[in-house]
């Protein structure tokens, strides 16, 4: 394992090993595991969709330094959720916009809470 870690010097880690750089990355990872466990998609579907998303990003100029990996993960998750009919693309966009609105009004360090009004701003 240390050989792998030394080959990836930019990988966020603590004394126990790799960690997520941001809480949202862990949440996206956990949502993916949960949706897989509930049978929404197979690992083969997930791997193919993630590979396609990364390939699209690289074709569009992503430098593939690893810093954008979880952005690709999130885009893949959103695409599969919409493709599988779990949520519509419109609902995903409305929720993302509401979250942005809630984050803008939330003081730094405080928990972000979505309110009905956030969906109408």
PDB file of N, CA and C in Angstrom:
ATOM      1  N   UNK A   1       0.829  -1.200   0.000  1.00  0.00           N
ATOM      2  CA  UNK A   1       0.000   0.000   0.000  1.00  0.00           C
ATOM      3  C   UNK A   1       0.865   1.252   0.000  1.00  0.00           C
ATOM      4  N   UNK A   2       1.976   1.258   0.724  1.00  0.00           N
ATOM      5  CA  UNK A   2       2.811   2.453   0.774  1.00  0.00           C
ATOM      6  C   UNK A   2       3.396   2.775  -0.593  1.00  0.00           C
ATOM      7  N   UNK A   3       3.649   1.748  -1.439  1.00  0.00           N
ATOM      8  CA  UNK A   3       4.139   1.998  -2.789  1.00  0.00           C
ATOM      9  C   UNK A   3       3.093   2.743  -3.605  1.00  0.00           C
ATOM     10  N   UNK A   4       1.832   2.340  -3.458  1.00  0.00           N
ATOM     11  CA  UNK A   4       0.745   3.000  -4.165  1.00  0.00           C
ATOM     12  C   UNK A   4       0.613   4.440  -3.683  1.00  0.00           C
ATOM     13  N   UNK A   5       0.644   4.636  -2.378  1.00  0.00           N
ATOM     14  CA  UNK A   5       0.505   5.976  -1.823  1.00  0.00           C
ATOM     15  C   UNK A   5       1.658   6.884  -2.221  1.00  0.00           C
ATOM     16  N   UNK A   6       2.857   6.354  -2.288  1.00  0.00           N
ATOM     17  CA  UNK A   6       3.995   7.185  -2.676  1.00  0.00           C
ATOM     18  C   UNK A   6       3.902   7.573  -4.148  1.00  0.00           C
ATOM     19  N   UNK A   7       3.213   6.774  -4.951  1.00  0.00           N
ATOM     20  CA  UNK A   7       3.028   7.096  -6.363  1.00  0.00           C
ATOM     21  C   UNK A   7       1.967   8.179  -6.556  1.00  0.00           C
ATOM     22  N   UNK A   8       1.209   8.468  -5.517  1.00  0.00           N
ATOM     23  CA  UNK A   8       0.147   9.475  -5.574  1.00  0.00           C
ATOM     24  C   UNK A   8       0.376  10.545  -4.512  1.00  0.00           C
ATOM     25  N   UNK A   9       1.405  11.378  -4.680  1.00  0.00           N
ATOM     26  CA  UNK A   9       1.752  12.343  -3.625  1.00  0.00           C
ATOM     27  C   UNK A   9       0.677  13.383  -3.345  1.00  0.00           C
ATOM     28  N   UNK A  10      -0.202  13.673  -4.308  1.00  0.00           N
ATOM     29  CA  UNK A  10      -1.243  14.675  -4.092  1.00  0.00           C
ATOM     30  C   UNK A  10      -2.491  14.140  -3.433  1.00  0.00           C
ATOM     31  N   UNK A  11      -2.534  12.839  -3.170  1.00  0.00           N
ATOM     32  CA  UNK A  11      -3.713  12.224  -2.572  1.00  0.00           C
ATOM     33  C   UNK A  11      -3.872  12.677  -1.125  1.00  0.00           C
ATOM     34  N   UNK A  12      -5.037  13.250  -0.784  1.00  0.00           N
ATOM     35  CA  UNK A  12      -5.230  13.679   0.612  1.00  0.00           C
ATOM     36  C   UNK A  12      -5.138  12.473   1.544  1.00  0.00           C
ATOM     37  N   UNK A  13      -4.461  12.645   2.690  1.00  0.00           N
ATOM     38  CA  UNK A  13      -4.308  11.540   3.630  1.00  0.00           C
ATOM     39  C   UNK A  13      -4.061  12.072   5.030  1.00  0.00           C
ATOM     40  N   UNK A  14      -4.303  11.203   5.979  1.00  0.00           N
ATOM     41  CA  UNK A  14      -3.924  11.476   7.359  1.00  0.00           C
ATOM     42  C   UNK A  14      -2.979  10.357   7.782  1.00  0.00           C
ATOM     43  N   UNK A  15      -2.740  10.209   9.070  1.00  0.00           N
ATOM     44  CA  UNK A  15      -1.790   9.196   9.529  1.00  0.00           C
ATOM     45  C   UNK A  15      -2.250   7.777   9.226  1.00  0.00           C
ATOM     46  N   UNK A  16      -3.555   7.578   9.045  1.00  0.00           N
ATOM     47  CA  UNK A  16      -4.083   6.248   8.763  1.00  0.00           C
ATOM     48  C   UNK A  16      -4.168   5.921   7.276  1.00  0.00           C
ATOM     49  N   UNK A  17      -3.960   6.905   6.420  1.00  0.00           N
ATOM     50  CA  UNK A  17      -4.025   6.653   4.988  1.00  0.00           C
ATOM     51  C   UNK A  17      -4.882   7.674   4.269  1.00  0.00           C
ATOM     52  N   UNK A  18      -5.355   7.324   3.061  1.00  0.00           N
ATOM     53  CA  UNK A  18      -6.132   8.269   2.250  1.00  0.00           C
ATOM     54  C   UNK A  18      -7.421   8.704   2.941  1.00  0.00           C
ATOM     55  N   UNK A  19      -7.777   9.942   2.709  1.00  0.00           N
ATOM     56  CA  UNK A  19      -9.025  10.510   3.224  1.00  0.00           C
ATOM     57  C   UNK A  19      -9.671  11.327   2.100  1.00  0.00           C
ATOM     58  N   UNK A  20     -10.920  11.674   2.279  1.00  0.00           N
ATOM     59  CA  UNK A  20     -11.590  12.554   1.337  1.00  0.00           C
ATOM     60  C   UNK A  20     -11.116  13.980   1.605  1.00  0.00           C
ATOM     61  N   UNK A  21     -10.931  14.749   0.548  1.00  0.00           N
ATOM     62  CA  UNK A  21     -10.464  16.123   0.691  1.00  0.00           C
ATOM     63  C   UNK A  21     -11.564  17.038   1.233  1.00  0.00           C
ATOM     64  N   UNK A  22     -12.822  16.711   0.928  1.00  0.00           N
ATOM     65  CA  UNK A  22     -13.953  17.534   1.336  1.00  0.00           C
ATOM     66  C   UNK A  22     -15.092  16.621   1.796  1.00  0.00           C
ATOM     67  N   UNK A  23     -15.900  17.064   2.752  1.00  0.00           N
ATOM     68  CA  UNK A  23     -17.027  16.240   3.219  1.00  0.00           C
ATOM     69  C   UNK A  23     -17.982  15.822   2.104  1.00  0.00           C
ATOM     70  N   UNK A  24     -18.232  16.688   1.129  1.00  0.00           N
ATOM     71  CA  UNK A  24     -19.167  16.354   0.057  1.00  0.00           C
ATOM     72  C   UNK A  24     -18.687  15.141  -0.738  1.00  0.00           C
ATOM     73  N   UNK A  25     -17.365  14.943  -0.820  1.00  0.00           N
ATOM     74  CA  UNK A  25     -16.836  13.790  -1.542  1.00  0.00           C
ATOM     75  C   UNK A  25     -17.235  12.496  -0.832  1.00  0.00           C
ATOM     76  N   UNK A  26     -17.112  12.489   0.476  1.00  0.00           N
ATOM     77  CA  UNK A  26     -17.513  11.313   1.260  1.00  0.00           C
ATOM     78  C   UNK A  26     -19.012  11.070   1.121  1.00  0.00           C
ATOM     79  N   UNK A  27     -19.793  12.144   1.081  1.00  0.00           N
ATOM     80  CA  UNK A  27     -21.237  11.998   0.942  1.00  0.00           C
ATOM     81  C   UNK A  27     -21.608  11.438  -0.432  1.00  0.00           C
ATOM     82  N   UNK A  28     -20.942  11.917  -1.483  1.00  0.00           N
ATOM     83  CA  UNK A  28     -21.203  11.386  -2.827  1.00  0.00           C
ATOM     84  C   UNK A  28     -20.805   9.916  -2.899  1.00  0.00           C
ATOM     85  N   UNK A  29     -19.699   9.574  -2.277  1.00  0.00           N
ATOM     86  CA  UNK A  29     -19.245   8.184  -2.234  1.00  0.00           C
ATOM     87  C   UNK A  29     -20.281   7.319  -1.515  1.00  0.00           C
ATOM     88  N   UNK A  30     -20.755   7.804  -0.368  1.00  0.00           N
ATOM     89  CA  UNK A  30     -21.740   7.047   0.418  1.00  0.00           C
ATOM     90  C   UNK A  30     -23.064   6.900  -0.343  1.00  0.00           C
ATOM     91  N   UNK A  31     -23.498   7.940  -1.033  1.00  0.00           N
ATOM     92  CA  UNK A  31     -24.730   7.842  -1.815  1.00  0.00           C
ATOM     93  C   UNK A  31     -24.579   6.804  -2.918  1.00  0.00           C
ATOM     94  N   UNK A  32     -23.418   6.764  -3.537  1.00  0.00           N
ATOM     95  CA  UNK A  32     -23.163   5.787  -4.593  1.00  0.00           C
ATOM     96  C   UNK A  32     -23.244   4.374  -4.039  1.00  0.00           C
ATOM     97  N   UNK A  33     -22.606   4.141  -2.895  1.00  0.00           N
ATOM     98  CA  UNK A  33     -22.661   2.810  -2.283  1.00  0.00           C
ATOM     99  C   UNK A  33     -24.090   2.424  -1.923  1.00  0.00           C
ATOM    100  N   UNK A  34     -24.847   3.374  -1.404  1.00  0.00           N
ATOM    101  CA  UNK A  34     -26.236   3.108  -1.018  1.00  0.00           C
ATOM    102  C   UNK A  34     -27.103   2.781  -2.230  1.00  0.00           C
ATOM    103  N   UNK A  35     -26.955   3.548  -3.294  1.00  0.00           N
ATOM    104  CA  UNK A  35     -27.749   3.290  -4.496  1.00  0.00           C
ATOM    105  C   UNK A  35     -27.376   1.950  -5.123  1.00  0.00           C
ATOM    106  N   UNK A  36     -26.107   1.613  -5.087  1.00  0.00           N
ATOM    107  CA  UNK A  36     -25.689   0.301  -5.577  1.00  0.00           C
ATOM    108  C   UNK A  36     -26.301  -0.801  -4.714  1.00  0.00           C
ATOM    109  N   UNK A  37     -26.224  -0.637  -3.406  1.00  0.00           N
ATOM    110  CA  UNK A  37     -26.769  -1.652  -2.485  1.00  0.00           C
ATOM    111  C   UNK A  37     -28.271  -1.833  -2.684  1.00  0.00           C
ATOM    112  N   UNK A  38     -28.947  -0.780  -3.089  1.00  0.00           N
ATOM    113  CA  UNK A  38     -30.394  -0.856  -3.326  1.00  0.00           C
ATOM    114  C   UNK A  38     -30.737  -1.333  -4.739  1.00  0.00           C
ATOM    115  N   UNK A  39     -29.711  -1.660  -5.519  1.00  0.00           N
ATOM    116  CA  UNK A  39     -29.934  -2.226  -6.840  1.00  0.00           C
ATOM    117  C   UNK A  39     -30.230  -1.231  -7.941  1.00  0.00           C
ATOM    118  N   UNK A  40     -29.947   0.042  -7.716  1.00  0.00           N
ATOM    119  CA  UNK A  40     -30.212   1.047  -8.740  1.00  0.00           C
ATOM    120  C   UNK A  40     -29.289   0.845  -9.946  1.00  0.00           C
ATOM    121  N   UNK A  41     -28.050   0.451  -9.687  1.00  0.00           N
ATOM    122  CA  UNK A  41     -27.108   0.149 -10.758  1.00  0.00           C
ATOM    123  C   UNK A  41     -26.110  -0.885 -10.267  1.00  0.00           C
ATOM    124  N   UNK A  42     -25.479  -1.555 -11.217  1.00  0.00           N
ATOM    125  CA  UNK A  42     -24.445  -2.538 -10.891  1.00  0.00           C
ATOM    126  C   UNK A  42     -23.094  -1.843 -10.846  1.00  0.00           C
ATOM    127  N   UNK A  43     -22.107  -2.525 -10.298  1.00  0.00           N
ATOM    128  CA  UNK A  43     -20.760  -1.947 -10.298  1.00  0.00           C
ATOM    129  C   UNK A  43     -20.232  -1.815 -11.712  1.00  0.00           C
ATOM    130  N   UNK A  44     -20.579  -2.768 -12.583  1.00  0.00           N
ATOM    131  CA  UNK A  44     -20.143  -2.672 -13.985  1.00  0.00           C
ATOM    132  C   UNK A  44     -20.732  -1.420 -14.638  1.00  0.00           C
ATOM    133  N   UNK A  45     -22.020  -1.142 -14.371  1.00  0.00           N
ATOM    134  CA  UNK A  45     -22.640   0.080 -14.906  1.00  0.00           C
ATOM    135  C   UNK A  45     -21.941   1.315 -14.355  1.00  0.00           C
ATOM    136  N   UNK A  46     -21.693   1.297 -13.041  1.00  0.00           N
ATOM    137  CA  UNK A  46     -21.036   2.438 -12.401  1.00  0.00           C
ATOM    138  C   UNK A  46     -19.663   2.677 -13.011  1.00  0.00           C
ATOM    139  N   UNK A  47     -18.856   1.627 -13.103  1.00  0.00           N
ATOM    140  CA  UNK A  47     -17.489   1.762 -13.619  1.00  0.00           C
ATOM    141  C   UNK A  47     -17.503   2.286 -15.056  1.00  0.00           C
ATOM    142  N   UNK A  48     -18.406   1.763 -15.880  1.00  0.00           N
ATOM    143  CA  UNK A  48     -18.486   2.225 -17.271  1.00  0.00           C
ATOM    144  C   UNK A  48     -18.918   3.684 -17.345  1.00  0.00           C
ATOM    145  N   UNK A  49     -19.887   4.066 -16.525  1.00  0.00           N
ATOM    146  CA  UNK A  49     -20.378   5.447 -16.529  1.00  0.00           C
ATOM    147  C   UNK A  49     -19.299   6.412 -16.022  1.00  0.00           C
ATOM    148  N   UNK A  50     -18.582   6.029 -14.970  1.00  0.00           N
ATOM    149  CA  UNK A  50     -17.517   6.889 -14.443  1.00  0.00           C
ATOM    150  C   UNK A  50     -16.391   7.021 -15.459  1.00  0.00           C
ATOM    151  N   UNK A  51     -16.005   5.919 -16.098  1.00  0.00           N
ATOM    152  CA  UNK A  51     -14.954   5.969 -17.120  1.00  0.00           C
ATOM    153  C   UNK A  51     -15.374   6.880 -18.273  1.00  0.00           C
ATOM    154  N   UNK A  52     -16.640   6.791 -18.695  1.00  0.00           N
ATOM    155  CA  UNK A  52     -17.130   7.639 -19.781  1.00  0.00           C
ATOM    156  C   UNK A  52     -17.113   9.110 -19.380  1.00  0.00           C
ATOM    157  N   UNK A  53     -17.490   9.399 -18.139  1.00  0.00           N
ATOM    158  CA  UNK A  53     -17.489  10.783 -17.651  1.00  0.00           C
ATOM    159  C   UNK A  53     -16.069  11.347 -17.624  1.00  0.00           C
ATOM    160  N   UNK A  54     -15.123  10.567 -17.147  1.00  0.00           N
ATOM    161  CA  UNK A  54     -13.732  11.020 -17.103  1.00  0.00           C
ATOM    162  C   UNK A  54     -13.200  11.220 -18.521  1.00  0.00           C
ATOM    163  N   UNK A  55     -13.542  10.325 -19.417  1.00  0.00           N
ATOM    164  CA  UNK A  55     -13.112  10.448 -20.814  1.00  0.00           C
ATOM    165  C   UNK A  55     -13.674  11.726 -21.430  1.00  0.00           C
ATOM    166  N   UNK A  56     -14.971  12.024 -21.164  1.00  0.00           N
ATOM    167  CA  UNK A  56     -15.582  13.264 -21.664  1.00  0.00           C
ATOM    168  C   UNK A  56     -14.830  14.481 -21.125  1.00  0.00           C
ATOM    169  N   UNK A  57     -14.526  14.452 -19.843  1.00  0.00           N
ATOM    170  CA  UNK A  57     -13.838  15.586 -19.217  1.00  0.00           C
ATOM    171  C   UNK A  57     -12.438  15.769 -19.801  1.00  0.00           C
ATOM    172  N   UNK A  58     -11.737  14.682 -19.998  1.00  0.00           N
ATOM    173  CA  UNK A  58     -10.394  14.770 -20.580  1.00  0.00           C
ATOM    174  C   UNK A  58     -10.461  15.313 -22.003  1.00  0.00           C
ATOM    175  N   UNK A  59     -11.453  14.876 -22.772  1.00  0.00           N
ATOM    176  CA  UNK A  59     -11.620  15.373 -24.140  1.00  0.00           C
ATOM    177  C   UNK A  59     -11.921  16.868 -24.145  1.00  0.00           C
ATOM    178  N   UNK A  60     -12.543  17.356 -23.060  1.00  0.00           N
ATOM    179  CA  UNK A  60     -12.865  18.782 -22.939  1.00  0.00           C
ATOM    180  C   UNK A  60     -11.726  19.579 -22.311  1.00  0.00           C
ATOM    181  N   UNK A  61     -10.601  18.903 -21.997  1.00  0.00           N
ATOM    182  CA  UNK A  61      -9.438  19.621 -21.494  1.00  0.00           C
ATOM    183  C   UNK A  61      -9.091  19.416 -20.035  1.00  0.00           C
ATOM    184  N   UNK A  62      -9.791  18.542 -19.324  1.00  0.00           N
ATOM    185  CA  UNK A  62      -9.445  18.278 -17.927  1.00  0.00           C
ATOM    186  C   UNK A  62      -8.020  17.733 -17.875  1.00  0.00           C
ATOM    187  N   UNK A  63      -7.160  18.337 -17.051  1.00  0.00           N
ATOM    188  CA  UNK A  63      -5.760  17.904 -17.015  1.00  0.00           C
ATOM    189  C   UNK A  63      -5.534  16.569 -16.314  1.00  0.00           C
ATOM    190  N   UNK A  64      -6.573  15.997 -15.701  1.00  0.00           N
ATOM    191  CA  UNK A  64      -6.479  14.691 -15.046  1.00  0.00           C
ATOM    192  C   UNK A  64      -5.363  14.646 -14.010  1.00  0.00           C
ATOM    193  N   UNK A  65      -5.361  15.631 -13.122  1.00  0.00           N
ATOM    194  CA  UNK A  65      -4.376  15.667 -12.040  1.00  0.00           C
ATOM    195  C   UNK A  65      -4.888  14.972 -10.788  1.00  0.00           C
ATOM    196  N   UNK A  66      -6.131  14.533 -10.813  1.00  0.00           N
ATOM    197  CA  UNK A  66      -6.743  13.904  -9.650  1.00  0.00           C
ATOM    198  C   UNK A  66      -7.584  14.862  -8.834  1.00  0.00           C
ATOM    199  N   UNK A  67      -7.371  16.149  -9.014  1.00  0.00           N
ATOM    200  CA  UNK A  67      -8.108  17.144  -8.231  1.00  0.00           C
ATOM    201  C   UNK A  67      -9.582  17.210  -8.606  1.00  0.00           C
ATOM    202  N   UNK A  68      -9.925  16.767  -9.795  1.00  0.00           N
ATOM    203  CA  UNK A  68     -11.307  16.850 -10.258  1.00  0.00           C
ATOM    204  C   UNK A  68     -12.014  15.503 -10.226  1.00  0.00           C
ATOM    205  N   UNK A  69     -11.355  14.485  -9.705  1.00  0.00           N
ATOM    206  CA  UNK A  69     -11.904  13.132  -9.725  1.00  0.00           C
ATOM    207  C   UNK A  69     -13.304  13.084  -9.123  1.00  0.00           C
ATOM    208  N   UNK A  70     -13.519  13.668  -7.948  1.00  0.00           N
ATOM    209  CA  UNK A  70     -14.841  13.577  -7.328  1.00  0.00           C
ATOM    210  C   UNK A  70     -15.872  14.475  -7.999  1.00  0.00           C
ATOM    211  N   UNK A  71     -15.431  15.469  -8.755  1.00  0.00           N
ATOM    212  CA  UNK A  71     -16.396  16.207  -9.571  1.00  0.00           C
ATOM    213  C   UNK A  71     -16.921  15.281 -10.665  1.00  0.00           C
ATOM    214  N   UNK A  72     -16.043  14.440 -11.223  1.00  0.00           N
ATOM    215  CA  UNK A  72     -16.475  13.454 -12.219  1.00  0.00           C
ATOM    216  C   UNK A  72     -17.366  12.403 -11.556  1.00  0.00           C
ATOM    217  N   UNK A  73     -17.012  12.026 -10.338  1.00  0.00           N
ATOM    218  CA  UNK A  73     -17.812  11.055  -9.580  1.00  0.00           C
ATOM    219  C   UNK A  73     -19.233  11.598  -9.409  1.00  0.00           C
ATOM    220  N   UNK A  74     -19.319  12.867  -8.984  1.00  0.00           N
ATOM    221  CA  UNK A  74     -20.630  13.487  -8.758  1.00  0.00           C
ATOM    222  C   UNK A  74     -21.418  13.605 -10.060  1.00  0.00           C
ATOM    223  N   UNK A  75     -20.775  14.006 -11.139  1.00  0.00           N
ATOM    224  CA  UNK A  75     -21.455  14.108 -12.433  1.00  0.00           C
ATOM    225  C   UNK A  75     -21.979  12.740 -12.869  1.00  0.00           C
ATOM    226  N   UNK A  76     -21.181  11.701 -12.632  1.00  0.00           N
ATOM    227  CA  UNK A  76     -21.601  10.343 -12.967  1.00  0.00           C
ATOM    228  C   UNK A  76     -22.804   9.939 -12.135  1.00  0.00           C
ATOM    229  N   UNK A  77     -22.760  10.230 -10.849  1.00  0.00           N
ATOM    230  CA  UNK A  77     -23.867   9.892  -9.963  1.00  0.00           C
ATOM    231  C   UNK A  77     -25.144  10.598 -10.413  1.00  0.00           C
ATOM    232  N   UNK A  78     -25.047  11.884 -10.724  1.00  0.00           N
ATOM    233  CA  UNK A  78     -26.220  12.626 -11.181  1.00  0.00           C
ATOM    234  C   UNK A  78     -26.759  12.046 -12.489  1.00  0.00           C
ATOM    235  N   UNK A  79     -25.861  11.700 -13.400  1.00  0.00           N
ATOM    236  CA  UNK A  79     -26.288  11.147 -14.689  1.00  0.00           C
ATOM    237  C   UNK A  79     -27.020   9.818 -14.489  1.00  0.00           C
ATOM    238  N   UNK A  80     -26.452   8.930 -13.672  1.00  0.00           N
ATOM    239  CA  UNK A  80     -27.086   7.629 -13.448  1.00  0.00           C
ATOM    240  C   UNK A  80     -28.417   7.763 -12.716  1.00  0.00           C
ATOM    241  N   UNK A  81     -28.482   8.647 -11.742  1.00  0.00           N
ATOM    242  CA  UNK A  81     -29.731   8.865 -11.001  1.00  0.00           C
ATOM    243  C   UNK A  81     -30.828   9.324 -11.961  1.00  0.00           C
ATOM    244  N   UNK A  82     -30.478  10.215 -12.889  1.00  0.00           N
ATOM    245  CA  UNK A  82     -31.462  10.681 -13.872  1.00  0.00           C
ATOM    246  C   UNK A  82     -31.792   9.578 -14.878  1.00  0.00           C
ATOM    247  N   UNK A  83     -30.759   8.916 -15.388  1.00  0.00           N
ATOM    248  CA  UNK A  83     -30.990   7.861 -16.389  1.00  0.00           C
ATOM    249  C   UNK A  83     -31.834   6.711 -15.843  1.00  0.00           C
ATOM    250  N   UNK A  84     -31.673   6.424 -14.555  1.00  0.00           N
ATOM    251  CA  UNK A  84     -32.416   5.316 -13.935  1.00  0.00           C
ATOM    252  C   UNK A  84     -33.788   5.749 -13.421  1.00  0.00           C
ATOM    253  N   UNK A  85     -34.107   7.038 -13.547  1.00  0.00           N
ATOM    254  CA  UNK A  85     -35.419   7.517 -13.143  1.00  0.00           C
ATOM    255  C   UNK A  85     -35.583   7.718 -11.645  1.00  0.00           C
ATOM    256  N   UNK A  86     -34.483   7.773 -10.918  1.00  0.00           N
ATOM    257  CA  UNK A  86     -34.559   8.016  -9.473  1.00  0.00           C
ATOM    258  C   UNK A  86     -34.949   9.464  -9.216  1.00  0.00           C
ATOM    259  N   UNK A  87     -34.432  10.366 -10.034  1.00  0.00           N
ATOM    260  CA  UNK A  87     -34.772  11.788  -9.974  1.00  0.00           C
ATOM    261  C   UNK A  87     -34.584  12.348 -11.378  1.00  0.00           C
ATOM    262  N   UNK A  88     -35.326  13.383 -11.687  1.00  0.00           N
ATOM    263  CA  UNK A  88     -35.183  14.002 -13.008  1.00  0.00           C
ATOM    264  C   UNK A  88     -33.996  14.971 -12.994  1.00  0.00           C
ATOM    265  N   UNK A  89     -33.499  15.265 -14.163  1.00  0.00           N
ATOM    266  CA  UNK A  89     -32.416  16.255 -14.273  1.00  0.00           C
ATOM    267  C   UNK A  89     -32.899  17.613 -13.743  1.00  0.00           C
ATOM    268  N   UNK A  90     -34.167  17.932 -13.996  1.00  0.00           N
ATOM    269  CA  UNK A  90     -34.728  19.192 -13.511  1.00  0.00           C
ATOM    270  C   UNK A  90     -34.739  19.232 -11.979  1.00  0.00           C
ATOM    271  N   UNK A  91     -35.140  18.139 -11.346  1.00  0.00           N
ATOM    272  CA  UNK A  91     -35.128  18.098  -9.881  1.00  0.00           C
ATOM    273  C   UNK A  91     -33.704  18.222  -9.349  1.00  0.00           C
ATOM    274  N   UNK A  92     -32.765  17.566  -9.992  1.00  0.00           N
ATOM    275  CA  UNK A  92     -31.368  17.685  -9.565  1.00  0.00           C
ATOM    276  C   UNK A  92     -30.887  19.128  -9.676  1.00  0.00           C
ATOM    277  N   UNK A  93     -31.238  19.803 -10.790  1.00  0.00           N
ATOM    278  CA  UNK A  93     -30.837  21.198 -10.965  1.00  0.00           C
ATOM    279  C   UNK A  93     -31.503  22.094  -9.926  1.00  0.00           C
ATOM    280  N   UNK A  94     -32.814  21.907  -9.710  1.00  0.00           N
ATOM    281  CA  UNK A  94     -33.525  22.724  -8.708  1.00  0.00           C
ATOM    282  C   UNK A  94     -32.921  22.535  -7.324  1.00  0.00           C
ATOM    283  N   UNK A  95     -32.580  21.301  -6.986  1.00  0.00           N
ATOM    284  CA  UNK A  95     -31.998  21.024  -5.665  1.00  0.00           C
ATOM    285  C   UNK A  95     -30.612  21.644  -5.550  1.00  0.00           C
ATOM    286  N   UNK A  96     -29.819  21.540  -6.607  1.00  0.00           N
ATOM    287  CA  UNK A  96     -28.482  22.155  -6.605  1.00  0.00           C
ATOM    288  C   UNK A  96     -28.598  23.671  -6.434  1.00  0.00           C
ATOM    289  N   UNK A  97     -29.526  24.293  -7.171  1.00  0.00           N
ATOM    290  CA  UNK A  97     -29.720  25.739  -7.064  1.00  0.00           C
ATOM    291  C   UNK A  97     -30.190  26.128  -5.660  1.00  0.00           C
ATOM    292  N   UNK A  98     -31.102  25.338  -5.085  1.00  0.00           N
ATOM    293  CA  UNK A  98     -31.587  25.611  -3.727  1.00  0.00           C
ATOM    294  C   UNK A  98     -30.451  25.483  -2.724  1.00  0.00           C
ATOM    295  N   UNK A  99     -29.618  24.483  -2.913  1.00  0.00           N
ATOM    296  CA  UNK A  99     -28.473  24.289  -2.014  1.00  0.00           C
ATOM    297  C   UNK A  99     -27.530  25.482  -2.107  1.00  0.00           C
ATOM    298  N   UNK A 100     -27.259  25.950  -3.324  1.00  0.00           N
ATOM    299  CA  UNK A 100     -26.398  27.128  -3.498  1.00  0.00           C
ATOM    300  C   UNK A 100     -26.993  28.339  -2.785  1.00  0.00           C
ATOM    301  N   UNK A 101     -28.308  28.522  -2.912  1.00  0.00           N
ATOM    302  CA  UNK A 101     -28.965  29.649  -2.248  1.00  0.00           C
ATOM    303  C   UNK A 101     -28.833  29.523  -0.732  1.00  0.00           C
ATOM    304  N   UNK A 102     -29.082  28.327  -0.215  1.00  0.00           N
ATOM    305  CA  UNK A 102     -28.976  28.103   1.234  1.00  0.00           C
ATOM    306  C   UNK A 102     -27.543  28.327   1.715  1.00  0.00           C
ATOM    307  N   UNK A 103     -26.581  27.883   0.939  1.00  0.00           N
ATOM    308  CA  UNK A 103     -25.169  28.069   1.326  1.00  0.00           C
ATOM    309  C   UNK A 103     -24.811  29.550   1.346  1.00  0.00           C
ATOM    310  N   UNK A 104     -25.333  30.317   0.385  1.00  0.00           N
ATOM    311  CA  UNK A 104     -25.035  31.752   0.326  1.00  0.00           C
ATOM    312  C   UNK A 104     -25.560  32.500   1.547  1.00  0.00           C
ATOM    313  N   UNK A 105     -26.691  32.066   2.099  1.00  0.00           N
ATOM    314  CA  UNK A 105     -27.267  32.781   3.240  1.00  0.00           C
ATOM    315  C   UNK A 105     -26.792  32.236   4.586  1.00  0.00           C
ATOM    316  N   UNK A 106     -26.003  31.168   4.573  1.00  0.00           N
ATOM    317  CA  UNK A 106     -25.569  30.540   5.818  1.00  0.00           C
ATOM    318  C   UNK A 106     -24.213  31.094   6.242  1.00  0.00           C
ATOM    319  N   UNK A 107     -24.098  31.577   7.481  1.00  0.00           N
ATOM    320  CA  UNK A 107     -22.796  32.070   7.959  1.00  0.00           C
ATOM    321  C   UNK A 107     -21.750  30.944   7.962  1.00  0.00           C
ATOM    322  N   UNK A 108     -20.522  31.328   7.673  1.00  0.00           N
ATOM    323  CA  UNK A 108     -19.426  30.361   7.644  1.00  0.00           C
ATOM    324  C   UNK A 108     -19.347  29.592   8.965  1.00  0.00           C
ATOM    325  N   UNK A 109     -19.184  28.305   8.860  1.00  0.00           N
ATOM    326  CA  UNK A 109     -19.051  27.467  10.043  1.00  0.00           C
ATOM    327  C   UNK A 109     -20.361  26.907  10.571  1.00  0.00           C
ATOM    328  N   UNK A 110     -21.462  27.408  10.052  1.00  0.00           N
ATOM    329  CA  UNK A 110     -22.776  26.926  10.480  1.00  0.00           C
ATOM    330  C   UNK A 110     -23.263  25.842   9.516  1.00  0.00           C
ATOM    331  N   UNK A 111     -24.119  24.973  10.018  1.00  0.00           N
ATOM    332  CA  UNK A 111     -24.694  23.923   9.176  1.00  0.00           C
ATOM    333  C   UNK A 111     -25.663  24.542   8.169  1.00  0.00           C
ATOM    334  N   UNK A 112     -25.592  24.072   6.947  1.00  0.00           N
ATOM    335  CA  UNK A 112     -26.498  24.552   5.908  1.00  0.00           C
ATOM    336  C   UNK A 112     -27.806  23.778   6.017  1.00  0.00           C
ATOM    337  N   UNK A 113     -28.906  24.514   6.045  1.00  0.00           N
ATOM    338  CA  UNK A 113     -30.233  23.903   6.107  1.00  0.00           C
ATOM    339  C   UNK A 113     -31.051  24.383   4.935  1.00  0.00           C
ATOM    340  N   UNK A 114     -31.631  23.435   4.214  1.00  0.00           N
ATOM    341  CA  UNK A 114     -32.520  23.780   3.108  1.00  0.00           C
ATOM    342  C   UNK A 114     -33.905  24.102   3.656  1.00  0.00           C
ATOM    343  N   UNK A 115     -34.491  25.184   3.142  1.00  0.00           N
ATOM    344  CA  UNK A 115     -35.855  25.560   3.472  1.00  0.00           C
ATOM    345  C   UNK A 115     -36.658  25.627   2.175  1.00  0.00           C
ATOM    346  N   UNK A 116     -37.939  25.510   2.274  1.00  0.00           N
ATOM    347  CA  UNK A 116     -38.803  25.574   1.090  1.00  0.00           C
ATOM    348  C   UNK A 116     -38.504  26.832   0.257  1.00  0.00           C
ATOM    349  N   UNK A 117     -38.248  27.940   0.911  1.00  0.00           N
ATOM    350  CA  UNK A 117     -37.979  29.195   0.204  1.00  0.00           C
ATOM    351  C   UNK A 117     -36.721  29.111  -0.672  1.00  0.00           C
ATOM    352  N   UNK A 118     -35.789  28.256  -0.320  1.00  0.00           N
ATOM    353  CA  UNK A 118     -34.569  28.105  -1.123  1.00  0.00           C
ATOM    354  C   UNK A 118     -34.863  27.570  -2.525  1.00  0.00           C
ATOM    355  N   UNK A 119     -35.975  26.858  -2.652  1.00  0.00           N
ATOM    356  CA  UNK A 119     -36.347  26.296  -3.952  1.00  0.00           C
ATOM    357  C   UNK A 119     -37.066  27.302  -4.831  1.00  0.00           C
ATOM    358  N   UNK A 120     -37.361  28.479  -4.277  1.00  0.00           N
ATOM    359  CA  UNK A 120     -38.116  29.488  -5.033  1.00  0.00           C
ATOM    360  C   UNK A 120     -37.332  30.776  -5.190  1.00  0.00           C
ATOM    361  N   UNK A 121     -36.055  30.737  -4.948  1.00  0.00           N
ATOM    362  CA  UNK A 121     -35.245  31.976  -5.049  1.00  0.00           C
ATOM    363  C   UNK A 121     -34.650  32.141  -6.411  1.00  0.00           C
TER     364      UNK A 121
END
